[in-house]
């Protein structure tokens, strides 16, 4: 693949000066690095490069684009700053591709909320309303008994099997909540609510790990009650009862149940929790659903 011919002139001048458009407006030619980054970014977004794929090595890219090494390195830095690649340096070097998903948006959201000193309970309260909407949309899907209900039942089966394993139980129930969002049928809500969900579940998993270490994780009765509500939500979705499942899903999300101490509700959002391994839910969706 070569650089777009309409932008070819800029590819031969890394320090192109400004242009003057009709009306006297000043335009700036894109730098070579930006053109290369644009071309590679497009491959990622179009799916030509999948999540976890490696970009072609440096020599291949230099030959393909006909640019200098500094320009190629800058293009890599642009893509890395956007979270689209991770550059592994050294003998096992290479650029690993990351297709953008709700986790990227969640991390950006966490950074913004942290700068505003937003308490974590504010995230939980927002999710309370949003997840109810998604549950209602799941119930409204005409194909819910094929595309939604089996996935939720599988999460419930895993939660029941792990009822005496605190962290495995939390992961299964987190997947249940994540799938309520990912299977709602609206791509926009999947992204928006999925980002809030991912941020909130990182807090829930942190809470589960700390309470498990301290031996204060809620007892078996608590877990069985939570599972019973998830099974009831699943049944209402299967029955297509939009109003009841919306109300039940909203009532079920209670930020206070994830407080380890009285002051936990005022804890501020910390973006660093999003960077910890295993701190995001992984929806167990059928092929074709993300």
C-alpha atoms as a PDB file:
ATOM      1  CA  UNK A   1       0.000   0.000   0.000  1.00  0.00           C
ATOM      2  CA  UNK A   2       1.309   3.422  -0.915  1.00  0.00           C
ATOM      3  CA  UNK A   3       0.456   6.786   0.529  1.00  0.00           C
ATOM      4  CA  UNK A   4      -2.669   8.402  -0.956  1.00  0.00           C
ATOM      5  CA  UNK A   5      -1.743  10.085  -4.232  1.00  0.00           C
ATOM      6  CA  UNK A   6      -3.807  13.158  -3.357  1.00  0.00           C
ATOM      7  CA  UNK A   7      -1.448  13.734  -0.432  1.00  0.00           C
ATOM      8  CA  UNK A   8       1.713  12.590  -2.155  1.00  0.00           C
ATOM      9  CA  UNK A   9       3.344  16.006  -2.218  1.00  0.00           C
ATOM     10  CA  UNK A  10       3.447  16.169   1.556  1.00  0.00           C
ATOM     11  CA  UNK A  11       5.126  12.767   1.699  1.00  0.00           C
ATOM     12  CA  UNK A  12       8.293  14.246   0.257  1.00  0.00           C
ATOM     13  CA  UNK A  13       8.607  17.112   2.702  1.00  0.00           C
ATOM     14  CA  UNK A  14       8.546  16.465   6.448  1.00  0.00           C
ATOM     15  CA  UNK A  15       8.549  20.193   7.199  1.00  0.00           C
ATOM     16  CA  UNK A  16       5.977  21.392   4.683  1.00  0.00           C
ATOM     17  CA  UNK A  17       5.002  25.007   5.105  1.00  0.00           C
ATOM     18  CA  UNK A  18       1.482  26.387   5.294  1.00  0.00           C
ATOM     19  CA  UNK A  19      -0.746  26.702   2.237  1.00  0.00           C
ATOM     20  CA  UNK A  20      -3.231  29.451   1.525  1.00  0.00           C
ATOM     21  CA  UNK A  21      -6.770  28.414   0.623  1.00  0.00           C
ATOM     22  CA  UNK A  22      -9.400  30.454  -1.159  1.00  0.00           C
ATOM     23  CA  UNK A  23     -10.519  33.284   1.082  1.00  0.00           C
ATOM     24  CA  UNK A  24      -7.091  33.602   2.682  1.00  0.00           C
ATOM     25  CA  UNK A  25      -7.450  30.793   5.257  1.00  0.00           C
ATOM     26  CA  UNK A  26      -4.193  29.126   6.260  1.00  0.00           C
ATOM     27  CA  UNK A  27      -3.952  25.376   5.740  1.00  0.00           C
ATOM     28  CA  UNK A  28      -1.152  23.131   6.907  1.00  0.00           C
ATOM     29  CA  UNK A  29       0.016  20.147   4.934  1.00  0.00           C
ATOM     30  CA  UNK A  30       0.052  16.969   7.009  1.00  0.00           C
ATOM     31  CA  UNK A  31       3.484  15.698   7.951  1.00  0.00           C
ATOM     32  CA  UNK A  32       4.766  12.459   6.507  1.00  0.00           C
ATOM     33  CA  UNK A  33       4.429  10.710   9.871  1.00  0.00           C
ATOM     34  CA  UNK A  34       0.764  11.690  10.075  1.00  0.00           C
ATOM     35  CA  UNK A  35       0.121  10.288   6.595  1.00  0.00           C
ATOM     36  CA  UNK A  36       1.747   6.976   7.506  1.00  0.00           C
ATOM     37  CA  UNK A  37      -0.143   6.875  10.806  1.00  0.00           C
ATOM     38  CA  UNK A  38      -3.402   7.618   8.946  1.00  0.00           C
ATOM     39  CA  UNK A  39      -2.811   4.745   6.525  1.00  0.00           C
ATOM     40  CA  UNK A  40      -1.969   2.234   9.263  1.00  0.00           C
ATOM     41  CA  UNK A  41      -4.790   3.435  11.484  1.00  0.00           C
ATOM     42  CA  UNK A  42      -7.232   2.863   8.645  1.00  0.00           C
ATOM     43  CA  UNK A  43      -6.081  -0.748   8.332  1.00  0.00           C
ATOM     44  CA  UNK A  44      -6.745  -1.318  12.030  1.00  0.00           C
ATOM     45  CA  UNK A  45     -10.179   0.333  11.962  1.00  0.00           C
ATOM     46  CA  UNK A  46     -11.175  -1.488   8.764  1.00  0.00           C
ATOM     47  CA  UNK A  47     -10.214  -4.820  10.282  1.00  0.00           C
ATOM     48  CA  UNK A  48      -7.346  -5.524   7.876  1.00  0.00           C
ATOM     49  CA  UNK A  49      -5.209  -5.797  11.021  1.00  0.00           C
ATOM     50  CA  UNK A  50      -6.792  -7.723  13.871  1.00  0.00           C
ATOM     51  CA  UNK A  51      -6.404  -7.381  17.613  1.00  0.00           C
ATOM     52  CA  UNK A  52      -3.088  -8.932  18.624  1.00  0.00           C
ATOM     53  CA  UNK A  53      -1.668  -8.914  15.095  1.00  0.00           C
ATOM     54  CA  UNK A  54       1.839  -7.600  14.497  1.00  0.00           C
ATOM     55  CA  UNK A  55       2.470  -4.714  12.168  1.00  0.00           C
ATOM     56  CA  UNK A  56       4.925  -5.542   9.361  1.00  0.00           C
ATOM     57  CA  UNK A  57       8.502  -4.995  10.493  1.00  0.00           C
ATOM     58  CA  UNK A  58      10.249  -1.663  10.060  1.00  0.00           C
ATOM     59  CA  UNK A  59      12.089  -2.597   6.869  1.00  0.00           C
ATOM     60  CA  UNK A  60       8.870  -3.682   5.166  1.00  0.00           C
ATOM     61  CA  UNK A  61       7.081  -0.471   6.167  1.00  0.00           C
ATOM     62  CA  UNK A  62      10.002   1.699   5.050  1.00  0.00           C
ATOM     63  CA  UNK A  63       9.955   0.029   1.638  1.00  0.00           C
ATOM     64  CA  UNK A  64       6.173   0.220   1.347  1.00  0.00           C
ATOM     65  CA  UNK A  65       5.752   3.875   2.254  1.00  0.00           C
ATOM     66  CA  UNK A  66       9.081   5.193   0.973  1.00  0.00           C
ATOM     67  CA  UNK A  67       9.635   7.405   4.025  1.00  0.00           C
ATOM     68  CA  UNK A  68      12.558   8.053   6.360  1.00  0.00           C
ATOM     69  CA  UNK A  69      13.149   6.115   9.592  1.00  0.00           C
ATOM     70  CA  UNK A  70      12.467   9.193  11.774  1.00  0.00           C
ATOM     71  CA  UNK A  71       9.104   9.681  10.031  1.00  0.00           C
ATOM     72  CA  UNK A  72       8.182   6.023  10.514  1.00  0.00           C
ATOM     73  CA  UNK A  73       9.200   6.132  14.173  1.00  0.00           C
ATOM     74  CA  UNK A  74       7.057   9.223  14.701  1.00  0.00           C
ATOM     75  CA  UNK A  75       4.101   7.473  13.024  1.00  0.00           C
ATOM     76  CA  UNK A  76       4.546   4.587  15.470  1.00  0.00           C
ATOM     77  CA  UNK A  77       4.574   7.031  18.386  1.00  0.00           C
ATOM     78  CA  UNK A  78       1.317   8.580  17.154  1.00  0.00           C
ATOM     79  CA  UNK A  79      -0.405   5.197  16.985  1.00  0.00           C
ATOM     80  CA  UNK A  80       1.025   4.131  20.337  1.00  0.00           C
ATOM     81  CA  UNK A  81      -0.229   7.326  21.994  1.00  0.00           C
ATOM     82  CA  UNK A  82      -3.695   6.538  20.605  1.00  0.00           C
ATOM     83  CA  UNK A  83      -3.567   3.070  22.151  1.00  0.00           C
ATOM     84  CA  UNK A  84      -3.786   1.371  18.764  1.00  0.00           C
ATOM     85  CA  UNK A  85      -0.412  -0.359  19.058  1.00  0.00           C
ATOM     86  CA  UNK A  86       2.103  -1.356  21.686  1.00  0.00           C
ATOM     87  CA  UNK A  87       5.699  -1.192  20.508  1.00  0.00           C
ATOM     88  CA  UNK A  88       7.872  -3.915  22.047  1.00  0.00           C
ATOM     89  CA  UNK A  89      11.479  -2.847  21.775  1.00  0.00           C
ATOM     90  CA  UNK A  90      14.621  -4.974  21.801  1.00  0.00           C
ATOM     91  CA  UNK A  91      15.331  -8.405  20.341  1.00  0.00           C
ATOM     92  CA  UNK A  92      11.695  -9.427  20.569  1.00  0.00           C
ATOM     93  CA  UNK A  93      10.506  -6.123  19.179  1.00  0.00           C
ATOM     94  CA  UNK A  94       7.451  -5.483  17.078  1.00  0.00           C
ATOM     95  CA  UNK A  95       4.271  -3.450  17.141  1.00  0.00           C
ATOM     96  CA  UNK A  96       1.212  -5.293  18.474  1.00  0.00           C
ATOM     97  CA  UNK A  97      -2.156  -4.072  17.214  1.00  0.00           C
ATOM     98  CA  UNK A  98      -5.019  -3.208  19.593  1.00  0.00           C
ATOM     99  CA  UNK A  99      -8.429  -2.701  18.035  1.00  0.00           C
ATOM    100  CA  UNK A 100     -10.285   0.003  19.995  1.00  0.00           C
ATOM    101  CA  UNK A 101     -13.127  -1.083  22.266  1.00  0.00           C
ATOM    102  CA  UNK A 102     -15.030   0.125  25.330  1.00  0.00           C
ATOM    103  CA  UNK A 103     -11.967  -0.445  27.542  1.00  0.00           C
ATOM    104  CA  UNK A 104     -10.122   2.353  25.708  1.00  0.00           C
ATOM    105  CA  UNK A 105     -13.088   4.697  26.135  1.00  0.00           C
ATOM    106  CA  UNK A 106     -13.436   3.629  29.782  1.00  0.00           C
ATOM    107  CA  UNK A 107      -9.828   4.522  30.540  1.00  0.00           C
ATOM    108  CA  UNK A 108     -10.206   7.961  28.943  1.00  0.00           C
ATOM    109  CA  UNK A 109     -13.427   8.439  30.907  1.00  0.00           C
ATOM    110  CA  UNK A 110     -11.640   7.423  34.108  1.00  0.00           C
ATOM    111  CA  UNK A 111      -8.908   9.984  33.497  1.00  0.00           C
ATOM    112  CA  UNK A 112     -11.479  12.756  33.045  1.00  0.00           C
ATOM    113  CA  UNK A 113     -13.518  11.707  36.098  1.00  0.00           C
ATOM    114  CA  UNK A 114     -10.357  11.534  38.200  1.00  0.00           C
ATOM    115  CA  UNK A 115      -9.401  15.096  37.239  1.00  0.00           C
ATOM    116  CA  UNK A 116     -12.879  16.174  38.378  1.00  0.00           C
ATOM    117  CA  UNK A 117     -12.543  14.269  41.679  1.00  0.00           C
ATOM    118  CA  UNK A 118     -15.721  12.300  40.949  1.00  0.00           C
ATOM    119  CA  UNK A 119     -16.599   9.686  43.623  1.00  0.00           C
ATOM    120  CA  UNK A 120     -16.876   6.072  42.482  1.00  0.00           C
ATOM    121  CA  UNK A 121     -20.494   5.921  43.691  1.00  0.00           C
ATOM    122  CA  UNK A 122     -21.378   8.515  41.058  1.00  0.00           C
ATOM    123  CA  UNK A 123     -20.333   5.966  38.418  1.00  0.00           C
ATOM    124  CA  UNK A 124     -22.419   3.261  40.087  1.00  0.00           C
ATOM    125  CA  UNK A 125     -25.467   5.520  40.288  1.00  0.00           C
ATOM    126  CA  UNK A 126     -25.199   6.365  36.584  1.00  0.00           C
ATOM    127  CA  UNK A 127     -24.856   2.698  35.716  1.00  0.00           C
ATOM    128  CA  UNK A 128     -27.977   1.942  37.777  1.00  0.00           C
ATOM    129  CA  UNK A 129     -30.075   3.896  35.275  1.00  0.00           C
ATOM    130  CA  UNK A 130     -28.190   2.903  32.144  1.00  0.00           C
ATOM    131  CA  UNK A 131     -28.123  -0.833  32.779  1.00  0.00           C
ATOM    132  CA  UNK A 132     -31.878  -0.885  33.332  1.00  0.00           C
ATOM    133  CA  UNK A 133     -32.329   0.633  29.893  1.00  0.00           C
ATOM    134  CA  UNK A 134     -30.067  -2.013  28.342  1.00  0.00           C
ATOM    135  CA  UNK A 135     -31.943  -4.829  30.090  1.00  0.00           C
ATOM    136  CA  UNK A 136     -35.190  -3.452  28.673  1.00  0.00           C
ATOM    137  CA  UNK A 137     -33.701  -3.364  25.180  1.00  0.00           C
ATOM    138  CA  UNK A 138     -32.566  -6.988  25.582  1.00  0.00           C
ATOM    139  CA  UNK A 139     -36.172  -7.923  26.425  1.00  0.00           C
ATOM    140  CA  UNK A 140     -37.393  -6.028  23.350  1.00  0.00           C
ATOM    141  CA  UNK A 141     -35.219  -8.008  20.939  1.00  0.00           C
ATOM    142  CA  UNK A 142     -37.320 -10.401  18.839  1.00  0.00           C
ATOM    143  CA  UNK A 143     -34.375 -12.811  18.752  1.00  0.00           C
ATOM    144  CA  UNK A 144     -33.719 -12.620  22.512  1.00  0.00           C
ATOM    145  CA  UNK A 145     -34.272 -16.346  23.128  1.00  0.00           C
ATOM    146  CA  UNK A 146     -31.547 -17.164  20.599  1.00  0.00           C
ATOM    147  CA  UNK A 147     -29.028 -14.331  20.989  1.00  0.00           C
ATOM    148  CA  UNK A 148     -29.433 -13.081  24.560  1.00  0.00           C
ATOM    149  CA  UNK A 149     -30.990 -15.574  26.947  1.00  0.00           C
ATOM    150  CA  UNK A 150     -28.552 -18.487  26.311  1.00  0.00           C
ATOM    151  CA  UNK A 151     -25.586 -16.199  27.015  1.00  0.00           C
ATOM    152  CA  UNK A 152     -27.073 -14.923  30.270  1.00  0.00           C
ATOM    153  CA  UNK A 153     -27.994 -18.452  31.334  1.00  0.00           C
ATOM    154  CA  UNK A 154     -24.410 -19.549  30.748  1.00  0.00           C
ATOM    155  CA  UNK A 155     -23.183 -16.734  33.017  1.00  0.00           C
ATOM    156  CA  UNK A 156     -25.679 -17.860  35.653  1.00  0.00           C
ATOM    157  CA  UNK A 157     -24.536 -21.483  35.295  1.00  0.00           C
ATOM    158  CA  UNK A 158     -20.926 -20.394  35.857  1.00  0.00           C
ATOM    159  CA  UNK A 159     -21.899 -18.269  38.862  1.00  0.00           C
ATOM    160  CA  UNK A 160     -23.778 -21.188  40.422  1.00  0.00           C
ATOM    161  CA  UNK A 161     -20.837 -23.531  39.847  1.00  0.00           C
ATOM    162  CA  UNK A 162     -18.520 -20.985  41.477  1.00  0.00           C
ATOM    163  CA  UNK A 163     -20.791 -20.088  44.387  1.00  0.00           C
ATOM    164  CA  UNK A 164     -18.057 -21.053  46.876  1.00  0.00           C
ATOM    165  CA  UNK A 165     -15.219 -19.436  44.923  1.00  0.00           C
ATOM    166  CA  UNK A 166     -15.461 -15.694  45.587  1.00  0.00           C
ATOM    167  CA  UNK A 167     -13.411 -14.350  42.678  1.00  0.00           C
ATOM    168  CA  UNK A 168     -14.760 -16.824  40.098  1.00  0.00           C
ATOM    169  CA  UNK A 169     -18.284 -15.966  41.247  1.00  0.00           C
ATOM    170  CA  UNK A 170     -17.592 -12.233  40.837  1.00  0.00           C
ATOM    171  CA  UNK A 171     -16.182 -12.781  37.336  1.00  0.00           C
ATOM    172  CA  UNK A 172     -19.259 -14.761  36.254  1.00  0.00           C
ATOM    173  CA  UNK A 173     -21.657 -12.163  37.635  1.00  0.00           C
ATOM    174  CA  UNK A 174     -19.584  -9.341  36.114  1.00  0.00           C
ATOM    175  CA  UNK A 175     -19.870 -11.098  32.755  1.00  0.00           C
ATOM    176  CA  UNK A 176     -23.649 -11.247  33.234  1.00  0.00           C
ATOM    177  CA  UNK A 177     -23.810  -7.472  33.673  1.00  0.00           C
ATOM    178  CA  UNK A 178     -21.420  -6.847  30.793  1.00  0.00           C
ATOM    179  CA  UNK A 179     -23.567  -8.987  28.507  1.00  0.00           C
ATOM    180  CA  UNK A 180     -26.748  -7.126  29.426  1.00  0.00           C
ATOM    181  CA  UNK A 181     -25.020  -4.152  27.836  1.00  0.00           C
ATOM    182  CA  UNK A 182     -23.196  -5.839  24.954  1.00  0.00           C
ATOM    183  CA  UNK A 183     -26.367  -7.650  23.796  1.00  0.00           C
ATOM    184  CA  UNK A 184     -28.803  -4.732  24.057  1.00  0.00           C
ATOM    185  CA  UNK A 185     -28.785  -4.291  20.281  1.00  0.00           C
ATOM    186  CA  UNK A 186     -27.639  -0.661  20.189  1.00  0.00           C
ATOM    187  CA  UNK A 187     -24.045  -0.122  19.076  1.00  0.00           C
ATOM    188  CA  UNK A 188     -24.022   3.374  20.579  1.00  0.00           C
ATOM    189  CA  UNK A 189     -25.258   2.205  23.968  1.00  0.00           C
ATOM    190  CA  UNK A 190     -22.832  -0.714  23.866  1.00  0.00           C
ATOM    191  CA  UNK A 191     -19.992   1.789  23.683  1.00  0.00           C
ATOM    192  CA  UNK A 192     -21.328   4.430  26.077  1.00  0.00           C
ATOM    193  CA  UNK A 193     -22.757   2.119  28.731  1.00  0.00           C
ATOM    194  CA  UNK A 194     -20.036  -0.457  28.141  1.00  0.00           C
ATOM    195  CA  UNK A 195     -17.440   2.171  29.036  1.00  0.00           C
ATOM    196  CA  UNK A 196     -19.241   3.048  32.273  1.00  0.00           C
ATOM    197  CA  UNK A 197     -19.719  -0.668  33.003  1.00  0.00           C
ATOM    198  CA  UNK A 198     -16.041  -1.428  32.441  1.00  0.00           C
ATOM    199  CA  UNK A 199     -15.000   1.395  34.765  1.00  0.00           C
ATOM    200  CA  UNK A 200     -17.455   0.316  37.454  1.00  0.00           C
ATOM    201  CA  UNK A 201     -16.538  -3.382  37.215  1.00  0.00           C
ATOM    202  CA  UNK A 202     -12.864  -2.545  37.681  1.00  0.00           C
ATOM    203  CA  UNK A 203     -13.898  -1.091  41.054  1.00  0.00           C
ATOM    204  CA  UNK A 204     -16.050  -4.147  41.860  1.00  0.00           C
ATOM    205  CA  UNK A 205     -13.192  -6.525  41.100  1.00  0.00           C
ATOM    206  CA  UNK A 206     -10.818  -4.450  43.229  1.00  0.00           C
ATOM    207  CA  UNK A 207     -13.385  -4.643  46.059  1.00  0.00           C
ATOM    208  CA  UNK A 208     -13.748  -8.419  45.595  1.00  0.00           C
ATOM    209  CA  UNK A 209      -9.993  -8.970  45.734  1.00  0.00           C
ATOM    210  CA  UNK A 210      -9.532  -6.849  48.871  1.00  0.00           C
ATOM    211  CA  UNK A 211     -12.497  -8.377  50.747  1.00  0.00           C
ATOM    212  CA  UNK A 212     -11.408 -11.896  49.796  1.00  0.00           C
ATOM    213  CA  UNK A 213      -7.908 -11.235  51.160  1.00  0.00           C
ATOM    214  CA  UNK A 214      -9.395  -9.797  54.336  1.00  0.00           C
ATOM    215  CA  UNK A 215     -11.876 -12.653  54.723  1.00  0.00           C
ATOM    216  CA  UNK A 216     -14.817 -10.224  54.669  1.00  0.00           C
ATOM    217  CA  UNK A 217     -16.364 -11.133  51.307  1.00  0.00           C
ATOM    218  CA  UNK A 218     -20.172 -11.415  51.717  1.00  0.00           C
ATOM    219  CA  UNK A 219     -21.442 -14.840  52.719  1.00  0.00           C
ATOM    220  CA  UNK A 220     -22.985 -17.620  50.643  1.00  0.00           C
ATOM    221  CA  UNK A 221     -26.523 -16.317  51.215  1.00  0.00           C
ATOM    222  CA  UNK A 222     -25.552 -12.991  49.637  1.00  0.00           C
ATOM    223  CA  UNK A 223     -24.180 -14.801  46.586  1.00  0.00           C
ATOM    224  CA  UNK A 224     -27.238 -17.015  46.223  1.00  0.00           C
ATOM    225  CA  UNK A 225     -29.518 -13.956  46.426  1.00  0.00           C
ATOM    226  CA  UNK A 226     -27.502 -12.205  43.730  1.00  0.00           C
ATOM    227  CA  UNK A 227     -27.690 -15.269  41.497  1.00  0.00           C
ATOM    228  CA  UNK A 228     -31.460 -15.547  42.067  1.00  0.00           C
ATOM    229  CA  UNK A 229     -31.933 -11.951  40.876  1.00  0.00           C
ATOM    230  CA  UNK A 230     -29.819 -12.617  37.767  1.00  0.00           C
ATOM    231  CA  UNK A 231     -31.964 -15.676  37.008  1.00  0.00           C
ATOM    232  CA  UNK A 232     -35.092 -13.560  37.458  1.00  0.00           C
ATOM    233  CA  UNK A 233     -33.731 -10.884  35.103  1.00  0.00           C
ATOM    234  CA  UNK A 234     -32.980 -13.607  32.548  1.00  0.00           C
ATOM    235  CA  UNK A 235     -36.516 -15.002  32.839  1.00  0.00           C
ATOM    236  CA  UNK A 236     -38.082 -11.543  32.397  1.00  0.00           C
ATOM    237  CA  UNK A 237     -35.950 -10.913  29.304  1.00  0.00           C
ATOM    238  CA  UNK A 238     -37.055 -14.255  27.883  1.00  0.00           C
ATOM    239  CA  UNK A 239     -40.688 -13.310  28.580  1.00  0.00           C
ATOM    240  CA  UNK A 240     -40.194  -9.943  26.874  1.00  0.00           C
ATOM    241  CA  UNK A 241     -41.343  -8.046  29.972  1.00  0.00           C
ATOM    242  CA  UNK A 242     -39.613  -4.737  29.282  1.00  0.00           C
ATOM    243  CA  UNK A 243     -40.996  -2.657  32.158  1.00  0.00           C
ATOM    244  CA  UNK A 244     -40.399  -5.255  34.895  1.00  0.00           C
ATOM    245  CA  UNK A 245     -36.894  -6.161  33.796  1.00  0.00           C
ATOM    246  CA  UNK A 246     -35.930  -2.491  33.444  1.00  0.00           C
ATOM    247  CA  UNK A 247     -37.084  -1.805  36.990  1.00  0.00           C
ATOM    248  CA  UNK A 248     -35.473  -4.933  38.457  1.00  0.00           C
ATOM    249  CA  UNK A 249     -32.132  -4.311  36.723  1.00  0.00           C
ATOM    250  CA  UNK A 250     -32.074  -0.732  38.052  1.00  0.00           C
ATOM    251  CA  UNK A 251     -32.891  -1.839  41.596  1.00  0.00           C
ATOM    252  CA  UNK A 252     -30.254  -4.568  41.458  1.00  0.00           C
ATOM    253  CA  UNK A 253     -27.352  -2.144  40.890  1.00  0.00           C
ATOM    254  CA  UNK A 254     -26.659  -0.739  44.348  1.00  0.00           C
ATOM    255  CA  UNK A 255     -23.236   0.934  44.749  1.00  0.00           C
ATOM    256  CA  UNK A 256     -23.422   0.634  48.530  1.00  0.00           C
ATOM    257  CA  UNK A 257     -23.099  -3.141  48.490  1.00  0.00           C
ATOM    258  CA  UNK A 258     -19.516  -2.724  47.281  1.00  0.00           C
ATOM    259  CA  UNK A 259     -18.387  -0.584  50.212  1.00  0.00           C
ATOM    260  CA  UNK A 260     -15.666  -2.090  52.379  1.00  0.00           C
ATOM    261  CA  UNK A 261     -15.811   0.858  54.772  1.00  0.00           C
ATOM    262  CA  UNK A 262     -18.216   3.689  55.602  1.00  0.00           C
ATOM    263  CA  UNK A 263     -16.283   6.220  53.524  1.00  0.00           C
ATOM    264  CA  UNK A 264     -15.995   4.055  50.415  1.00  0.00           C
ATOM    265  CA  UNK A 265     -18.810   5.841  48.619  1.00  0.00           C
ATOM    266  CA  UNK A 266     -16.730   9.020  48.578  1.00  0.00           C
ATOM    267  CA  UNK A 267     -13.639   7.357  47.149  1.00  0.00           C
ATOM    268  CA  UNK A 268     -12.598   9.077  43.963  1.00  0.00           C
ATOM    269  CA  UNK A 269     -12.360   7.364  40.609  1.00  0.00           C
ATOM    270  CA  UNK A 270      -8.774   6.269  40.007  1.00  0.00           C
ATOM    271  CA  UNK A 271      -7.797   5.594  36.402  1.00  0.00           C
ATOM    272  CA  UNK A 272      -4.913   3.410  37.589  1.00  0.00           C
ATOM    273  CA  UNK A 273      -7.354   0.613  38.463  1.00  0.00           C
ATOM    274  CA  UNK A 274      -8.111   0.300  34.741  1.00  0.00           C
ATOM    275  CA  UNK A 275      -4.487  -0.610  34.054  1.00  0.00           C
ATOM    276  CA  UNK A 276      -4.416  -3.563  36.463  1.00  0.00           C
ATOM    277  CA  UNK A 277      -4.503  -7.048  34.864  1.00  0.00           C
ATOM    278  CA  UNK A 278      -7.865  -8.758  35.073  1.00  0.00           C
ATOM    279  CA  UNK A 279      -9.746  -5.627  36.054  1.00  0.00           C
ATOM    280  CA  UNK A 280     -12.203  -5.652  33.171  1.00  0.00           C
ATOM    281  CA  UNK A 281     -15.147  -7.881  32.442  1.00  0.00           C
ATOM    282  CA  UNK A 282     -14.987 -10.083  29.382  1.00  0.00           C
ATOM    283  CA  UNK A 283     -18.449 -10.607  27.889  1.00  0.00           C
ATOM    284  CA  UNK A 284     -19.171 -14.220  26.976  1.00  0.00           C
ATOM    285  CA  UNK A 285     -21.006 -13.402  23.779  1.00  0.00           C
ATOM    286  CA  UNK A 286     -21.774 -15.541  20.752  1.00  0.00           C
ATOM    287  CA  UNK A 287     -19.747 -15.134  17.579  1.00  0.00           C
ATOM    288  CA  UNK A 288     -20.533 -11.819  15.943  1.00  0.00           C
ATOM    289  CA  UNK A 289     -21.423  -9.984  19.181  1.00  0.00           C
ATOM    290  CA  UNK A 290     -18.933  -7.701  20.896  1.00  0.00           C
END
